[in-house]
Amino acid sequence: MARLFVISGPSGAGKGTLIRGVLEVSPELARVARSATTRTMRPGEVDGREYFFLSADEFDRRVGVGEFEEHVEFAGNRYGTLKSEIDGLLAGGQSVILELEVDGSLVIKERRPDAVLIFIDCPTDDLHRRLVARQTEMAGEIADRLRIADEQAQHKGAFDHVVVNEEVNRAVHELLTTMERELECS
């Protein structure tokens, strides 16, 4: 049976890295649903691959006609998951991975109680180092993201599972094992 997995955690905790690691080991396990965002594309990103990049007006239009399963504002930008993206994959028998911020994850759990929520945690020192190393945020943005990370960590008890990403290979294995167990139970 196909399942909806929602992977969440602070910016810089390694959500994307762990998801890629799981799918390298087990590519048939699930497909990553793309989110829509109003944020500016980063170097190397392609519209429709990492995200659907939308103008604020187009995002609002889609919200108004109910196309989003969830949508949030985070760090000055808007993000949302299109219902069609989730439903199309699940209808085809494919498990789905959503990579969301905490607020969006909690909305999904309300609307789709059978979704499996997994929080990726990371020690604060490692989080700071990762945010600096990826060179996509200014110093003030890093401080904001660390503050937000502390706030998000307070919600991890609402998640079905917590994976601590201190060592990538171990965390990939733990995430993969968690997802496989959930698929066996469905």
N, C-alpha and C. Protein backbone atom coordinates (compact mmCIF):
# COMPACT_ATOMS: atom_id res chain seq x y z
N MET A 1 0.84 -1.19 0.00
CA MET A 1 0.00 0.00 0.00
C MET A 1 0.88 1.25 0.00
N ALA A 2 0.52 2.21 -0.79
CA ALA A 2 1.28 3.46 -0.87
C ALA A 2 1.04 4.29 0.38
N ARG A 3 2.08 4.95 0.85
CA ARG A 3 1.99 5.79 2.05
C ARG A 3 2.49 7.19 1.73
N LEU A 4 2.02 8.13 2.53
CA LEU A 4 2.48 9.50 2.45
C LEU A 4 3.43 9.74 3.62
N PHE A 5 4.70 10.01 3.30
CA PHE A 5 5.72 10.31 4.31
C PHE A 5 6.00 11.80 4.28
N VAL A 6 5.98 12.42 5.45
CA VAL A 6 6.27 13.85 5.56
C VAL A 6 7.55 13.99 6.36
N ILE A 7 8.59 14.49 5.71
CA ILE A 7 9.90 14.66 6.33
C ILE A 7 10.05 16.14 6.66
N SER A 8 10.34 16.43 7.92
CA SER A 8 10.42 17.81 8.36
C SER A 8 11.59 17.99 9.31
N GLY A 9 11.87 19.24 9.61
CA GLY A 9 12.94 19.58 10.53
C GLY A 9 13.50 20.93 10.16
N PRO A 10 14.43 21.42 10.93
CA PRO A 10 14.99 22.75 10.68
C PRO A 10 15.73 22.84 9.36
N SER A 11 15.79 24.04 8.81
CA SER A 11 16.60 24.30 7.64
C SER A 11 18.04 23.98 7.98
N GLY A 12 18.69 23.18 7.15
CA GLY A 12 20.08 22.80 7.38
C GLY A 12 20.25 21.50 8.15
N ALA A 13 19.15 20.87 8.58
CA ALA A 13 19.25 19.62 9.33
C ALA A 13 19.62 18.44 8.45
N GLY A 14 19.51 18.61 7.14
CA GLY A 14 19.90 17.54 6.23
C GLY A 14 18.72 16.76 5.66
N LYS A 15 17.54 17.33 5.67
CA LYS A 15 16.36 16.62 5.16
C LYS A 15 16.59 16.15 3.73
N GLY A 16 16.98 17.06 2.86
CA GLY A 16 17.19 16.71 1.46
C GLY A 16 18.29 15.69 1.28
N THR A 17 19.37 15.83 2.02
CA THR A 17 20.49 14.88 1.93
C THR A 17 20.04 13.49 2.34
N LEU A 18 19.27 13.39 3.41
CA LEU A 18 18.82 12.08 3.89
C LEU A 18 17.82 11.47 2.91
N ILE A 19 16.91 12.28 2.38
CA ILE A 19 15.95 11.77 1.41
C ILE A 19 16.68 11.24 0.18
N ARG A 20 17.65 12.01 -0.33
CA ARG A 20 18.43 11.55 -1.49
C ARG A 20 19.16 10.25 -1.15
N GLY A 21 19.71 10.17 0.05
CA GLY A 21 20.41 8.95 0.46
C GLY A 21 19.50 7.75 0.49
N VAL A 22 18.30 7.91 1.02
CA VAL A 22 17.33 6.81 1.06
C VAL A 22 16.97 6.37 -0.35
N LEU A 23 16.73 7.33 -1.23
CA LEU A 23 16.31 6.99 -2.59
C LEU A 23 17.45 6.44 -3.44
N GLU A 24 18.71 6.73 -3.08
CA GLU A 24 19.84 6.11 -3.76
C GLU A 24 19.91 4.63 -3.40
N VAL A 25 19.64 4.31 -2.14
CA VAL A 25 19.66 2.92 -1.67
C VAL A 25 18.43 2.16 -2.16
N SER A 26 17.27 2.83 -2.14
CA SER A 26 16.00 2.18 -2.46
C SER A 26 15.15 3.09 -3.36
N PRO A 27 15.51 3.22 -4.64
CA PRO A 27 14.83 4.18 -5.51
C PRO A 27 13.34 3.90 -5.72
N GLU A 28 12.92 2.66 -5.55
CA GLU A 28 11.51 2.31 -5.75
C GLU A 28 10.65 2.57 -4.52
N LEU A 29 11.25 2.95 -3.42
CA LEU A 29 10.53 3.12 -2.16
C LEU A 29 9.45 4.19 -2.25
N ALA A 30 9.77 5.33 -2.83
CA ALA A 30 8.83 6.46 -2.87
C ALA A 30 9.31 7.49 -3.88
N ARG A 31 8.42 8.42 -4.18
CA ARG A 31 8.76 9.56 -5.04
C ARG A 31 8.61 10.84 -4.23
N VAL A 32 9.48 11.79 -4.47
CA VAL A 32 9.41 13.08 -3.78
C VAL A 32 8.43 13.97 -4.54
N ALA A 33 7.42 14.45 -3.82
CA ALA A 33 6.49 15.40 -4.41
C ALA A 33 7.12 16.78 -4.35
N ARG A 34 7.02 17.51 -5.44
CA ARG A 34 7.58 18.86 -5.47
C ARG A 34 6.59 19.84 -4.86
N SER A 35 7.13 20.79 -4.13
CA SER A 35 6.34 21.87 -3.56
C SER A 35 6.39 23.07 -4.47
N ALA A 36 5.48 23.98 -4.25
CA ALA A 36 5.50 25.28 -4.94
C ALA A 36 6.04 26.31 -3.95
N THR A 37 6.72 27.33 -4.46
CA THR A 37 7.26 28.38 -3.60
C THR A 37 7.30 29.71 -4.33
N THR A 38 7.30 30.76 -3.52
CA THR A 38 7.48 32.11 -4.07
C THR A 38 8.92 32.58 -3.92
N ARG A 39 9.79 31.76 -3.30
CA ARG A 39 11.16 32.20 -3.12
C ARG A 39 11.90 32.20 -4.44
N THR A 40 12.98 32.94 -4.49
CA THR A 40 13.81 33.03 -5.68
C THR A 40 14.59 31.73 -5.87
N MET A 41 14.75 31.33 -7.12
CA MET A 41 15.54 30.14 -7.42
C MET A 41 16.99 30.35 -6.99
N ARG A 42 17.58 29.32 -6.42
CA ARG A 42 19.00 29.33 -6.09
C ARG A 42 19.78 28.83 -7.30
N PRO A 43 21.07 29.14 -7.37
CA PRO A 43 21.87 28.65 -8.49
C PRO A 43 21.76 27.13 -8.63
N GLY A 44 21.55 26.68 -9.85
CA GLY A 44 21.45 25.25 -10.13
C GLY A 44 20.05 24.68 -10.03
N GLU A 45 19.11 25.42 -9.46
CA GLU A 45 17.74 24.93 -9.36
C GLU A 45 17.02 25.15 -10.69
N VAL A 46 16.04 24.28 -10.96
CA VAL A 46 15.25 24.34 -12.18
C VAL A 46 13.78 24.31 -11.80
N ASP A 47 12.99 25.20 -12.40
CA ASP A 47 11.55 25.23 -12.15
C ASP A 47 10.93 23.88 -12.52
N GLY A 48 10.16 23.31 -11.60
CA GLY A 48 9.52 22.03 -11.85
C GLY A 48 10.36 20.83 -11.42
N ARG A 49 11.61 21.06 -11.06
CA ARG A 49 12.45 19.96 -10.59
C ARG A 49 12.56 20.02 -9.08
N GLU A 50 13.17 21.09 -8.54
CA GLU A 50 13.25 21.22 -7.08
C GLU A 50 11.93 21.73 -6.50
N TYR A 51 11.37 22.72 -7.15
CA TYR A 51 10.11 23.35 -6.75
C TYR A 51 9.39 23.81 -8.01
N PHE A 52 8.11 24.13 -7.83
CA PHE A 52 7.39 24.92 -8.82
C PHE A 52 7.54 26.36 -8.33
N PHE A 53 8.29 27.17 -9.03
CA PHE A 53 8.53 28.56 -8.62
C PHE A 53 7.40 29.42 -9.17
N LEU A 54 6.63 30.03 -8.26
CA LEU A 54 5.46 30.81 -8.64
C LEU A 54 5.61 32.26 -8.18
N SER A 55 4.99 33.16 -8.92
CA SER A 55 4.90 34.54 -8.44
C SER A 55 3.94 34.57 -7.26
N ALA A 56 3.99 35.62 -6.48
CA ALA A 56 3.07 35.77 -5.34
C ALA A 56 1.62 35.77 -5.82
N ASP A 57 1.37 36.42 -6.95
CA ASP A 57 0.00 36.48 -7.48
C ASP A 57 -0.50 35.09 -7.91
N GLU A 58 0.34 34.34 -8.58
CA GLU A 58 -0.05 33.00 -9.01
C GLU A 58 -0.26 32.08 -7.80
N PHE A 59 0.60 32.22 -6.81
CA PHE A 59 0.45 31.43 -5.59
C PHE A 59 -0.91 31.73 -4.96
N ASP A 60 -1.22 33.02 -4.81
CA ASP A 60 -2.51 33.44 -4.23
C ASP A 60 -3.69 32.90 -5.03
N ARG A 61 -3.59 32.94 -6.35
CA ARG A 61 -4.67 32.44 -7.20
C ARG A 61 -4.92 30.96 -6.92
N ARG A 62 -3.85 30.19 -6.83
CA ARG A 62 -3.98 28.75 -6.59
C ARG A 62 -4.51 28.45 -5.19
N VAL A 63 -4.10 29.26 -4.21
CA VAL A 63 -4.67 29.12 -2.87
C VAL A 63 -6.18 29.37 -2.93
N GLY A 64 -6.57 30.43 -3.64
CA GLY A 64 -7.97 30.83 -3.74
C GLY A 64 -8.87 29.78 -4.36
N VAL A 65 -8.35 28.97 -5.27
CA VAL A 65 -9.17 27.95 -5.90
C VAL A 65 -8.97 26.57 -5.26
N GLY A 66 -8.26 26.53 -4.13
CA GLY A 66 -8.14 25.29 -3.35
C GLY A 66 -7.20 24.25 -3.91
N GLU A 67 -6.18 24.66 -4.64
CA GLU A 67 -5.25 23.70 -5.24
C GLU A 67 -4.20 23.17 -4.27
N PHE A 68 -4.05 23.81 -3.10
CA PHE A 68 -3.00 23.41 -2.16
C PHE A 68 -3.55 22.52 -1.05
N GLU A 69 -2.79 21.50 -0.71
CA GLU A 69 -3.08 20.68 0.47
C GLU A 69 -2.68 21.42 1.72
N GLU A 70 -1.58 22.13 1.63
CA GLU A 70 -1.10 22.97 2.73
C GLU A 70 -0.27 24.08 2.12
N HIS A 71 -0.20 25.18 2.84
CA HIS A 71 0.69 26.26 2.43
C HIS A 71 1.03 27.08 3.66
N VAL A 72 2.28 27.54 3.68
CA VAL A 72 2.77 28.29 4.83
C VAL A 72 3.66 29.43 4.35
N GLU A 73 3.86 30.37 5.25
CA GLU A 73 4.88 31.39 5.02
C GLU A 73 6.03 31.05 5.94
N PHE A 74 7.23 31.07 5.38
CA PHE A 74 8.42 30.71 6.15
C PHE A 74 9.57 31.57 5.68
N ALA A 75 10.22 32.24 6.61
CA ALA A 75 11.39 33.07 6.31
C ALA A 75 11.12 34.05 5.17
N GLY A 76 9.92 34.62 5.16
CA GLY A 76 9.58 35.65 4.19
C GLY A 76 9.11 35.14 2.83
N ASN A 77 9.01 33.85 2.65
CA ASN A 77 8.53 33.26 1.40
C ASN A 77 7.38 32.33 1.68
N ARG A 78 6.63 32.00 0.64
CA ARG A 78 5.50 31.08 0.78
C ARG A 78 5.84 29.75 0.12
N TYR A 79 5.37 28.69 0.75
CA TYR A 79 5.59 27.34 0.26
C TYR A 79 4.27 26.59 0.34
N GLY A 80 4.03 25.68 -0.58
CA GLY A 80 2.80 24.91 -0.53
C GLY A 80 2.92 23.61 -1.31
N THR A 81 2.07 22.67 -0.93
CA THR A 81 2.02 21.37 -1.59
C THR A 81 0.73 21.27 -2.39
N LEU A 82 0.87 21.05 -3.67
CA LEU A 82 -0.30 20.91 -4.53
C LEU A 82 -0.97 19.56 -4.31
N LYS A 83 -2.29 19.59 -4.13
CA LYS A 83 -3.05 18.35 -3.94
C LYS A 83 -2.82 17.39 -5.10
N SER A 84 -2.80 17.92 -6.30
CA SER A 84 -2.65 17.09 -7.49
C SER A 84 -1.33 16.32 -7.49
N GLU A 85 -0.29 16.91 -6.92
CA GLU A 85 1.02 16.25 -6.86
C GLU A 85 0.95 15.01 -5.96
N ILE A 86 0.31 15.14 -4.81
CA ILE A 86 0.18 14.00 -3.88
C ILE A 86 -0.76 12.95 -4.44
N ASP A 87 -1.96 13.39 -4.81
CA ASP A 87 -3.00 12.45 -5.23
C ASP A 87 -2.62 11.66 -6.47
N GLY A 88 -1.93 12.30 -7.41
CA GLY A 88 -1.52 11.59 -8.62
C GLY A 88 -0.57 10.45 -8.32
N LEU A 89 0.40 10.69 -7.45
CA LEU A 89 1.36 9.64 -7.12
C LEU A 89 0.70 8.51 -6.32
N LEU A 90 -0.08 8.87 -5.31
CA LEU A 90 -0.74 7.85 -4.48
C LEU A 90 -1.70 7.00 -5.32
N ALA A 91 -2.44 7.64 -6.22
CA ALA A 91 -3.39 6.92 -7.07
C ALA A 91 -2.68 5.91 -7.96
N GLY A 92 -1.44 6.20 -8.31
CA GLY A 92 -0.64 5.29 -9.12
C GLY A 92 0.05 4.21 -8.31
N GLY A 93 -0.24 4.14 -7.01
CA GLY A 93 0.35 3.12 -6.15
C GLY A 93 1.74 3.46 -5.66
N GLN A 94 2.17 4.70 -5.83
CA GLN A 94 3.52 5.13 -5.44
C GLN A 94 3.48 5.85 -4.10
N SER A 95 4.32 5.42 -3.16
CA SER A 95 4.45 6.16 -1.91
C SER A 95 5.06 7.52 -2.21
N VAL A 96 4.74 8.49 -1.36
CA VAL A 96 5.11 9.88 -1.61
C VAL A 96 5.90 10.41 -0.42
N ILE A 97 6.93 11.19 -0.72
CA ILE A 97 7.69 11.90 0.30
C ILE A 97 7.44 13.39 0.10
N LEU A 98 7.03 14.06 1.17
CA LEU A 98 6.95 15.51 1.19
C LEU A 98 8.06 16.01 2.10
N GLU A 99 8.81 16.99 1.65
CA GLU A 99 9.82 17.65 2.49
C GLU A 99 9.23 19.01 2.85
N LEU A 100 8.79 19.14 4.11
CA LEU A 100 8.07 20.34 4.54
C LEU A 100 8.64 20.93 5.81
N GLU A 101 8.31 22.18 6.03
CA GLU A 101 8.59 22.80 7.31
C GLU A 101 7.57 22.26 8.32
N VAL A 102 7.83 22.50 9.60
CA VAL A 102 7.02 21.91 10.66
C VAL A 102 5.54 22.29 10.56
N ASP A 103 5.24 23.56 10.34
CA ASP A 103 3.84 23.98 10.28
C ASP A 103 3.08 23.25 9.18
N GLY A 104 3.66 23.15 8.01
CA GLY A 104 3.03 22.44 6.91
C GLY A 104 2.83 20.97 7.22
N SER A 105 3.79 20.36 7.92
CA SER A 105 3.68 18.95 8.30
C SER A 105 2.48 18.72 9.21
N LEU A 106 2.29 19.61 10.15
CA LEU A 106 1.18 19.46 11.10
C LEU A 106 -0.16 19.65 10.41
N VAL A 107 -0.23 20.51 9.40
CA VAL A 107 -1.46 20.68 8.62
C VAL A 107 -1.76 19.38 7.85
N ILE A 108 -0.73 18.79 7.24
CA ILE A 108 -0.92 17.54 6.50
C ILE A 108 -1.46 16.47 7.44
N LYS A 109 -0.92 16.38 8.65
CA LYS A 109 -1.37 15.36 9.60
C LYS A 109 -2.85 15.55 9.95
N GLU A 110 -3.30 16.81 10.06
CA GLU A 110 -4.71 17.07 10.32
C GLU A 110 -5.58 16.62 9.14
N ARG A 111 -5.14 16.91 7.94
CA ARG A 111 -5.94 16.62 6.74
C ARG A 111 -5.81 15.18 6.27
N ARG A 112 -4.67 14.58 6.54
CA ARG A 112 -4.42 13.20 6.12
C ARG A 112 -3.82 12.45 7.31
N PRO A 113 -4.70 12.00 8.22
CA PRO A 113 -4.22 11.38 9.47
C PRO A 113 -3.36 10.14 9.27
N ASP A 114 -3.46 9.50 8.09
CA ASP A 114 -2.64 8.31 7.84
C ASP A 114 -1.23 8.66 7.38
N ALA A 115 -0.93 9.94 7.21
CA ALA A 115 0.43 10.36 6.83
C ALA A 115 1.40 10.02 7.96
N VAL A 116 2.62 9.66 7.60
CA VAL A 116 3.67 9.34 8.57
C VAL A 116 4.61 10.53 8.64
N LEU A 117 4.68 11.17 9.82
CA LEU A 117 5.51 12.35 10.01
C LEU A 117 6.84 11.96 10.65
N ILE A 118 7.94 12.39 10.01
CA ILE A 118 9.29 12.08 10.50
C ILE A 118 10.05 13.39 10.64
N PHE A 119 10.52 13.67 11.86
CA PHE A 119 11.26 14.89 12.16
C PHE A 119 12.75 14.59 12.10
N ILE A 120 13.49 15.37 11.30
CA ILE A 120 14.94 15.24 11.22
C ILE A 120 15.54 16.28 12.16
N ASP A 121 16.21 15.82 13.17
CA ASP A 121 16.82 16.70 14.16
C ASP A 121 18.33 16.75 13.93
N CYS A 122 18.95 17.77 14.47
CA CYS A 122 20.38 17.97 14.27
C CYS A 122 20.91 18.80 15.44
N PRO A 123 22.05 18.43 16.02
CA PRO A 123 22.62 19.26 17.07
C PRO A 123 22.85 20.69 16.58
N THR A 124 22.63 21.68 17.44
CA THR A 124 22.71 23.09 17.06
C THR A 124 24.06 23.47 16.45
N ASP A 125 25.16 22.97 17.00
CA ASP A 125 26.48 23.28 16.44
C ASP A 125 26.61 22.78 15.00
N ASP A 126 26.12 21.56 14.75
CA ASP A 126 26.15 21.01 13.40
C ASP A 126 25.26 21.82 12.47
N LEU A 127 24.10 22.23 12.98
CA LEU A 127 23.15 23.01 12.18
C LEU A 127 23.78 24.32 11.74
N HIS A 128 24.43 25.02 12.65
CA HIS A 128 25.09 26.29 12.33
C HIS A 128 26.17 26.07 11.28
N ARG A 129 26.98 25.05 11.47
CA ARG A 129 28.06 24.74 10.53
C ARG A 129 27.50 24.45 9.14
N ARG A 130 26.41 23.69 9.05
CA ARG A 130 25.82 23.34 7.76
C ARG A 130 25.24 24.56 7.05
N LEU A 131 24.58 25.41 7.82
CA LEU A 131 24.00 26.62 7.22
C LEU A 131 25.08 27.53 6.66
N VAL A 132 26.20 27.67 7.38
CA VAL A 132 27.31 28.48 6.90
C VAL A 132 27.94 27.84 5.67
N ALA A 133 28.11 26.51 5.70
CA ALA A 133 28.80 25.81 4.61
C ALA A 133 28.02 25.85 3.29
N ARG A 134 26.70 25.84 3.35
CA ARG A 134 25.96 25.81 2.08
C ARG A 134 25.90 27.17 1.40
N GLN A 135 26.30 28.23 2.09
CA GLN A 135 26.48 29.57 1.53
C GLN A 135 25.27 30.07 0.75
N THR A 136 24.07 29.80 1.28
CA THR A 136 22.85 30.29 0.62
C THR A 136 22.16 31.36 1.46
N GLU A 137 22.62 31.56 2.70
CA GLU A 137 22.01 32.56 3.58
C GLU A 137 23.06 33.55 4.06
N MET A 138 22.61 34.77 4.32
CA MET A 138 23.47 35.80 4.90
C MET A 138 23.54 35.53 6.42
N ALA A 139 24.46 36.20 7.11
CA ALA A 139 24.65 35.98 8.55
C ALA A 139 23.36 36.21 9.34
N GLY A 140 22.62 37.27 9.02
CA GLY A 140 21.36 37.54 9.72
C GLY A 140 20.33 36.46 9.47
N GLU A 141 20.31 35.92 8.24
CA GLU A 141 19.38 34.84 7.91
C GLU A 141 19.73 33.57 8.68
N ILE A 142 21.01 33.32 8.87
CA ILE A 142 21.43 32.14 9.63
C ILE A 142 20.93 32.25 11.07
N ALA A 143 21.08 33.42 11.67
CA ALA A 143 20.59 33.62 13.04
C ALA A 143 19.08 33.40 13.11
N ASP A 144 18.36 33.91 12.11
CA ASP A 144 16.91 33.70 12.06
C ASP A 144 16.58 32.22 11.94
N ARG A 145 17.29 31.52 11.07
CA ARG A 145 17.01 30.09 10.87
C ARG A 145 17.33 29.28 12.13
N LEU A 146 18.38 29.66 12.87
CA LEU A 146 18.68 28.95 14.12
C LEU A 146 17.60 29.20 15.17
N ARG A 147 17.08 30.44 15.23
CA ARG A 147 15.99 30.75 16.15
C ARG A 147 14.74 29.94 15.77
N ILE A 148 14.44 29.89 14.48
CA ILE A 148 13.29 29.13 14.00
C ILE A 148 13.48 27.64 14.29
N ALA A 149 14.71 27.15 14.13
CA ALA A 149 15.00 25.74 14.41
C ALA A 149 14.68 25.40 15.86
N ASP A 150 15.03 26.29 16.79
CA ASP A 150 14.71 26.06 18.21
C ASP A 150 13.21 25.98 18.42
N GLU A 151 12.47 26.86 17.75
CA GLU A 151 11.00 26.85 17.85
C GLU A 151 10.43 25.56 17.25
N GLN A 152 10.97 25.14 16.11
CA GLN A 152 10.47 23.93 15.46
C GLN A 152 10.72 22.69 16.31
N ALA A 153 11.86 22.64 16.95
CA ALA A 153 12.21 21.47 17.77
C ALA A 153 11.19 21.24 18.89
N GLN A 154 10.50 22.28 19.30
CA GLN A 154 9.49 22.13 20.36
C GLN A 154 8.29 21.31 19.88
N HIS A 155 8.14 21.13 18.58
CA HIS A 155 7.00 20.39 18.03
C HIS A 155 7.33 18.94 17.67
N LYS A 156 8.55 18.50 17.89
CA LYS A 156 8.91 17.17 17.40
C LYS A 156 8.13 16.05 18.08
N GLY A 157 7.55 16.33 19.26
CA GLY A 157 6.70 15.33 19.92
C GLY A 157 5.43 15.03 19.15
N ALA A 158 5.03 15.90 18.22
CA ALA A 158 3.83 15.69 17.41
C ALA A 158 4.12 14.77 16.21
N PHE A 159 5.39 14.41 16.03
CA PHE A 159 5.78 13.58 14.90
C PHE A 159 5.78 12.11 15.30
N ASP A 160 5.60 11.24 14.31
CA ASP A 160 5.57 9.80 14.56
C ASP A 160 6.96 9.25 14.86
N HIS A 161 7.97 9.87 14.27
CA HIS A 161 9.35 9.40 14.43
C HIS A 161 10.29 10.60 14.43
N VAL A 162 11.44 10.44 15.11
CA VAL A 162 12.51 11.44 15.10
C VAL A 162 13.80 10.73 14.71
N VAL A 163 14.48 11.29 13.71
CA VAL A 163 15.79 10.78 13.28
C VAL A 163 16.79 11.89 13.54
N VAL A 164 17.84 11.59 14.31
CA VAL A 164 18.87 12.58 14.61
C VAL A 164 19.99 12.42 13.59
N ASN A 165 20.27 13.49 12.87
CA ASN A 165 21.27 13.47 11.80
C ASN A 165 22.60 14.01 12.33
N GLU A 166 23.33 13.17 13.04
CA GLU A 166 24.68 13.52 13.47
C GLU A 166 25.71 12.96 12.50
N GLU A 167 25.42 11.79 11.96
CA GLU A 167 26.30 11.13 10.99
C GLU A 167 25.42 10.68 9.85
N VAL A 168 25.68 11.16 8.64
CA VAL A 168 24.77 11.02 7.51
C VAL A 168 24.44 9.56 7.19
N ASN A 169 25.43 8.69 7.08
CA ASN A 169 25.16 7.31 6.69
C ASN A 169 24.26 6.60 7.71
N ARG A 170 24.52 6.84 8.98
CA ARG A 170 23.68 6.24 10.02
C ARG A 170 22.27 6.78 9.94
N ALA A 171 22.13 8.10 9.73
CA ALA A 171 20.81 8.72 9.67
C ALA A 171 20.04 8.25 8.43
N VAL A 172 20.72 8.08 7.29
CA VAL A 172 20.06 7.55 6.09
C VAL A 172 19.52 6.16 6.38
N HIS A 173 20.33 5.32 7.00
CA HIS A 173 19.91 3.96 7.34
C HIS A 173 18.70 3.98 8.28
N GLU A 174 18.74 4.85 9.28
CA GLU A 174 17.62 4.94 10.23
C GLU A 174 16.35 5.42 9.54
N LEU A 175 16.46 6.41 8.68
CA LEU A 175 15.29 6.90 7.95
C LEU A 175 14.73 5.81 7.03
N LEU A 176 15.60 5.14 6.30
CA LEU A 176 15.16 4.07 5.41
C LEU A 176 14.46 2.96 6.19
N THR A 177 15.04 2.53 7.28
CA THR A 177 14.46 1.48 8.11
C THR A 177 13.09 1.90 8.65
N THR A 178 12.99 3.13 9.08
CA THR A 178 11.72 3.65 9.60
C THR A 178 10.65 3.61 8.52
N MET A 179 10.98 4.06 7.33
CA MET A 179 10.01 4.08 6.24
C MET A 179 9.62 2.66 5.83
N GLU A 180 10.57 1.77 5.75
CA GLU A 180 10.27 0.38 5.38
C GLU A 180 9.35 -0.27 6.41
N ARG A 181 9.60 -0.02 7.70
CA ARG A 181 8.71 -0.57 8.76
C ARG A 181 7.29 -0.04 8.60
N GLU A 182 7.16 1.25 8.31
CA GLU A 182 5.83 1.83 8.13
C GLU A 182 5.12 1.21 6.92
N LEU A 183 5.85 0.94 5.87
CA LEU A 183 5.23 0.30 4.69
C LEU A 183 4.79 -1.12 5.00
N GLU A 184 5.56 -1.83 5.81
CA GLU A 184 5.21 -3.20 6.18
C GLU A 184 3.95 -3.23 7.04
N CYS A 185 3.75 -2.19 7.84
CA CYS A 185 2.60 -2.13 8.75
C CYS A 185 1.32 -1.69 8.06
N SER A 186 1.43 -1.14 6.84
CA SER A 186 0.23 -0.60 6.20
C SER A 186 -0.59 -1.66 5.49
